[in-house]
């Protein structure tokens, strides 16, 4: 198998508490996996370990060297213009500039290259953060609730943009989110993290573009919510007595 991420027996403890306890997960190259779980279950800890921002206490973690993270906050450098933020850390020169401009064009911000971060809307700033991640051509893209701070309409637009970009660039993707609909809409597989390990790992079979009213979509959403401890009322069949 063409595996981009291999995790086996992963443990991470904080004091006496095991946040991750024997977790195992494989992500294939080009595969989009969404990770759900209640707050404090270790989702972000896992993502930080994969991004080399934290360390495991035990277990095997194999990831590509080329990997990038998009956080909930854009984390742009205020003193750099938009293009400078996209190419920050890349070698100086025309080649990096051209790569940065192409990345901005991909996220619909070709005319914002010389703008300052403080002039951008929340959605625009997050698109710059996405361009900064993709310009490095990562084999693994880590998304830590990147749409959580956006309004509902901008969030849907950003989901569509990320879906299109991921299908074009084909990195392995791990999306950490609290939004079940977002997970089902975007991912090839959805996993649920609970008590330090995965209690669910389901393939999403609905055809793209996905419709939240599709019976397969709603059935998967109900199963995932149940695994998260949320009971959604079953739909009332047409003609049924209420």
Protein backbone atom coordinates (compact mmCIF):
# COMPACT_ATOMS: atom_id res chain seq x y z
CA UNK A 1 0.00 0.00 0.00
CA UNK A 2 1.09 3.57 -0.70
CA UNK A 3 1.07 4.79 2.90
CA UNK A 4 1.87 8.43 3.76
CA UNK A 5 1.20 8.22 7.52
CA UNK A 6 1.69 5.15 9.70
CA UNK A 7 0.87 5.31 13.42
CA UNK A 8 1.00 2.28 15.70
CA UNK A 9 0.76 2.03 19.48
CA UNK A 10 0.92 5.82 19.92
CA UNK A 11 0.85 7.01 23.51
CA UNK A 12 0.98 10.55 24.86
CA UNK A 13 0.51 11.30 28.51
CA UNK A 14 0.20 14.52 30.48
CA UNK A 15 0.86 13.78 34.11
CA UNK A 16 -1.24 10.76 35.05
CA UNK A 17 -3.60 11.21 32.11
CA UNK A 18 -3.16 9.27 28.86
CA UNK A 19 -4.53 11.50 26.10
CA UNK A 20 -3.51 9.06 23.37
CA UNK A 21 -3.40 5.42 24.44
CA UNK A 22 -2.21 2.86 21.87
CA UNK A 23 -3.66 4.68 18.86
CA UNK A 24 -3.18 3.15 15.40
CA UNK A 25 -3.92 4.93 12.10
CA UNK A 26 -2.75 4.71 8.49
CA UNK A 27 -3.40 7.40 5.87
CA UNK A 28 -2.70 6.66 2.23
CA UNK A 29 -1.11 9.18 -0.12
CA UNK A 30 -3.84 11.39 -1.55
CA UNK A 31 -6.36 10.29 1.09
CA UNK A 32 -8.42 12.78 3.11
CA UNK A 33 -9.15 11.69 6.70
CA UNK A 34 -11.28 13.74 9.10
CA UNK A 35 -10.88 13.28 12.85
CA UNK A 36 -13.78 13.97 15.20
CA UNK A 37 -13.88 13.93 18.98
CA UNK A 38 -15.00 15.89 22.01
CA UNK A 39 -12.78 18.67 23.36
CA UNK A 40 -9.82 17.29 25.27
CA UNK A 41 -9.79 13.88 23.58
CA UNK A 42 -6.37 14.42 21.98
CA UNK A 43 -7.22 15.45 18.41
CA UNK A 44 -4.93 18.45 18.37
CA UNK A 45 -2.26 16.55 20.31
CA UNK A 46 -2.21 13.94 17.54
CA UNK A 47 -1.99 16.63 14.87
CA UNK A 48 0.85 18.37 16.71
CA UNK A 49 2.78 15.10 16.97
CA UNK A 50 2.37 14.53 13.22
CA UNK A 51 3.56 18.10 12.62
CA UNK A 52 6.62 17.65 14.88
CA UNK A 53 5.29 20.24 17.34
CA UNK A 54 4.95 17.64 20.11
CA UNK A 55 6.51 14.27 20.85
CA UNK A 56 4.99 10.84 21.54
CA UNK A 57 5.80 9.01 24.75
CA UNK A 58 5.65 5.63 23.01
CA UNK A 59 4.75 4.05 19.69
CA UNK A 60 5.64 4.36 16.02
CA UNK A 61 4.93 7.54 14.03
CA UNK A 62 6.04 7.64 10.40
CA UNK A 63 5.21 10.76 8.38
CA UNK A 64 6.54 12.42 5.21
CA UNK A 65 9.24 15.02 5.67
CA UNK A 66 7.25 17.48 3.54
CA UNK A 67 4.29 18.42 5.75
CA UNK A 68 2.51 21.63 6.65
CA UNK A 69 -0.14 22.76 9.14
CA UNK A 70 -3.04 25.20 8.75
CA UNK A 71 -4.34 26.31 12.16
CA UNK A 72 -7.65 27.80 13.24
CA UNK A 73 -5.98 31.23 13.27
CA UNK A 74 -4.22 32.27 10.04
CA UNK A 75 -1.06 33.24 11.97
CA UNK A 76 0.09 35.70 9.32
CA UNK A 77 3.12 37.92 9.93
CA UNK A 78 1.71 41.48 10.27
CA UNK A 79 4.90 43.11 8.98
CA UNK A 80 4.88 41.15 5.71
CA UNK A 81 2.57 41.66 2.76
CA UNK A 82 0.38 38.78 1.58
CA UNK A 83 2.91 37.42 -0.93
CA UNK A 84 5.67 37.67 1.66
CA UNK A 85 3.57 35.61 4.04
CA UNK A 86 2.97 32.94 1.42
CA UNK A 87 6.66 32.49 0.58
CA UNK A 88 8.04 33.03 4.10
CA UNK A 89 10.87 30.57 4.71
CA UNK A 90 11.34 29.76 1.02
CA UNK A 91 14.56 30.70 -0.79
CA UNK A 92 14.52 34.28 -2.00
CA UNK A 93 14.25 34.83 -5.73
CA UNK A 94 11.98 34.90 -8.74
CA UNK A 95 11.20 31.18 -8.58
CA UNK A 96 9.72 31.42 -5.07
CA UNK A 97 7.86 34.60 -6.02
CA UNK A 98 6.28 32.88 -9.02
CA UNK A 99 5.31 29.88 -6.88
CA UNK A 100 3.74 32.22 -4.36
CA UNK A 101 1.76 34.08 -7.01
CA UNK A 102 0.49 30.80 -8.47
CA UNK A 103 -0.59 29.67 -4.99
CA UNK A 104 -2.45 32.94 -4.43
CA UNK A 105 -4.18 32.55 -7.79
CA UNK A 106 -5.29 29.05 -6.78
CA UNK A 107 -7.02 30.39 -3.67
CA UNK A 108 -8.57 33.33 -5.56
CA UNK A 109 -6.31 36.06 -4.19
CA UNK A 110 -4.10 36.88 -7.17
CA UNK A 111 -4.89 40.58 -6.79
CA UNK A 112 -4.04 40.65 -3.07
CA UNK A 113 -0.30 39.91 -3.33
CA UNK A 114 0.72 43.36 -2.07
CA UNK A 115 -2.05 43.72 0.53
CA UNK A 116 -1.26 43.87 4.24
CA UNK A 117 -2.71 41.18 6.52
CA UNK A 118 -4.75 43.68 8.57
CA UNK A 119 -6.77 44.63 5.46
CA UNK A 120 -8.00 41.06 4.86
CA UNK A 121 -11.28 39.51 5.94
CA UNK A 122 -11.18 36.35 8.05
CA UNK A 123 -11.84 34.16 5.03
CA UNK A 124 -9.19 35.92 2.95
CA UNK A 125 -6.60 35.58 5.70
CA UNK A 126 -7.33 31.86 5.98
CA UNK A 127 -6.97 31.48 2.21
CA UNK A 128 -3.53 33.09 2.49
CA UNK A 129 -2.65 30.56 5.19
CA UNK A 130 -3.82 27.77 2.88
CA UNK A 131 -1.73 29.14 0.00
CA UNK A 132 1.30 29.31 2.34
CA UNK A 133 0.80 25.63 3.18
CA UNK A 134 0.28 24.44 -0.40
CA UNK A 135 3.14 26.44 -1.93
CA UNK A 136 5.48 24.02 -0.14
CA UNK A 137 3.91 21.11 -2.06
CA UNK A 138 3.40 19.00 1.08
CA UNK A 139 2.92 15.27 1.03
CA UNK A 140 0.93 15.66 4.27
CA UNK A 141 -1.45 18.56 4.95
CA UNK A 142 -2.60 18.94 8.57
CA UNK A 143 -5.72 21.06 9.15
CA UNK A 144 -6.51 22.05 12.75
CA UNK A 145 -10.13 23.32 12.67
CA UNK A 146 -9.18 25.85 9.98
CA UNK A 147 -12.75 27.08 9.40
CA UNK A 148 -14.00 27.27 13.00
CA UNK A 149 -13.71 31.07 13.30
CA UNK A 150 -15.47 31.81 9.99
CA UNK A 151 -19.10 32.68 9.40
CA UNK A 152 -21.32 29.92 8.02
CA UNK A 153 -21.30 31.06 4.37
CA UNK A 154 -17.54 31.69 4.27
CA UNK A 155 -17.01 28.33 5.94
CA UNK A 156 -18.92 26.51 3.19
CA UNK A 157 -16.95 28.36 0.52
CA UNK A 158 -13.67 27.47 2.22
CA UNK A 159 -14.70 23.83 2.47
CA UNK A 160 -15.34 23.77 -1.28
CA UNK A 161 -11.99 25.46 -1.93
CA UNK A 162 -10.06 23.03 0.26
CA UNK A 163 -11.81 20.07 -1.37
CA UNK A 164 -10.88 21.32 -4.85
CA UNK A 165 -7.27 22.08 -3.90
CA UNK A 166 -6.75 18.74 -2.19
CA UNK A 167 -8.08 16.84 -5.21
CA UNK A 168 -5.72 18.88 -7.42
CA UNK A 169 -2.56 18.56 -5.30
CA UNK A 170 -3.24 15.09 -3.82
CA UNK A 171 -1.50 15.34 -0.43
CA UNK A 172 -2.52 13.06 2.38
CA UNK A 173 -4.78 15.15 4.64
CA UNK A 174 -5.74 14.96 8.31
CA UNK A 175 -8.52 17.39 9.24
CA UNK A 176 -9.30 17.91 12.93
CA UNK A 177 -12.84 19.25 13.34
CA UNK A 178 -15.83 19.32 15.68
CA UNK A 179 -18.23 19.64 12.73
CA UNK A 180 -19.68 16.26 11.71
CA UNK A 181 -21.25 17.64 8.51
CA UNK A 182 -17.91 19.19 7.53
CA UNK A 183 -16.14 15.87 8.07
CA UNK A 184 -18.63 13.90 5.97
CA UNK A 185 -18.71 16.57 3.27
CA UNK A 186 -14.94 16.66 2.76
CA UNK A 187 -13.31 13.40 3.81
CA UNK A 188 -12.71 10.00 2.25
CA UNK A 189 -12.72 8.52 5.77
CA UNK A 190 -14.02 9.81 9.09
CA UNK A 191 -12.58 8.64 12.41
CA UNK A 192 -13.79 9.33 15.95
CA UNK A 193 -11.27 9.65 18.78
CA UNK A 194 -12.47 8.69 22.26
CA UNK A 195 -10.63 7.60 25.41
CA UNK A 196 -7.28 7.83 23.68
CA UNK A 197 -8.04 5.61 20.68
CA UNK A 198 -10.19 5.47 17.56
CA UNK A 199 -13.66 4.04 18.19
CA UNK A 200 -14.80 4.66 14.60
CA UNK A 201 -13.06 4.67 11.25
CA UNK A 202 -15.59 4.75 8.40
CA UNK A 203 -15.21 5.22 4.66
CA UNK A 204 -17.54 7.85 3.19
CA UNK A 205 -19.30 6.26 0.23
CA UNK A 206 -21.46 9.19 -0.93
CA UNK A 207 -20.60 10.58 -4.35
CA UNK A 208 -19.13 14.07 -4.63
CA UNK A 209 -20.38 16.78 -4.54
CA UNK A 210 -22.06 15.58 -1.34
CA UNK A 211 -25.59 16.52 -0.40
CA UNK A 212 -26.45 16.74 3.30
CA UNK A 213 -30.00 15.55 2.49
CA UNK A 214 -28.76 12.34 0.85
CA UNK A 215 -29.88 9.31 2.91
CA UNK A 216 -26.33 7.86 3.01
CA UNK A 217 -24.98 11.21 4.23
CA UNK A 218 -27.58 11.54 6.97
CA UNK A 219 -27.20 7.91 8.06
CA UNK A 220 -23.44 8.31 8.46
CA UNK A 221 -23.94 11.58 10.30
CA UNK A 222 -26.28 9.87 12.79
CA UNK A 223 -23.78 7.05 13.39
CA UNK A 224 -20.94 9.49 13.97
CA UNK A 225 -23.02 11.64 16.31
CA UNK A 226 -23.96 8.53 18.27
CA UNK A 227 -20.28 7.63 18.61
CA UNK A 228 -19.72 11.17 19.90
CA UNK A 229 -22.47 10.68 22.48
CA UNK A 230 -25.09 12.77 20.66
CA UNK A 231 -28.44 11.20 19.81
CA UNK A 232 -30.05 12.76 16.75
CA UNK A 233 -33.79 12.08 16.30
CA UNK A 234 -34.52 9.60 13.52
CA UNK A 235 -36.22 11.21 10.49
CA UNK A 236 -40.00 10.94 10.31
CA UNK A 237 -41.13 9.02 7.25
CA UNK A 238 -43.47 10.79 4.89
CA UNK A 239 -47.08 10.13 5.82
CA UNK A 240 -46.22 8.92 9.33
CA UNK A 241 -48.44 10.00 12.20
CA UNK A 242 -46.64 12.45 14.51
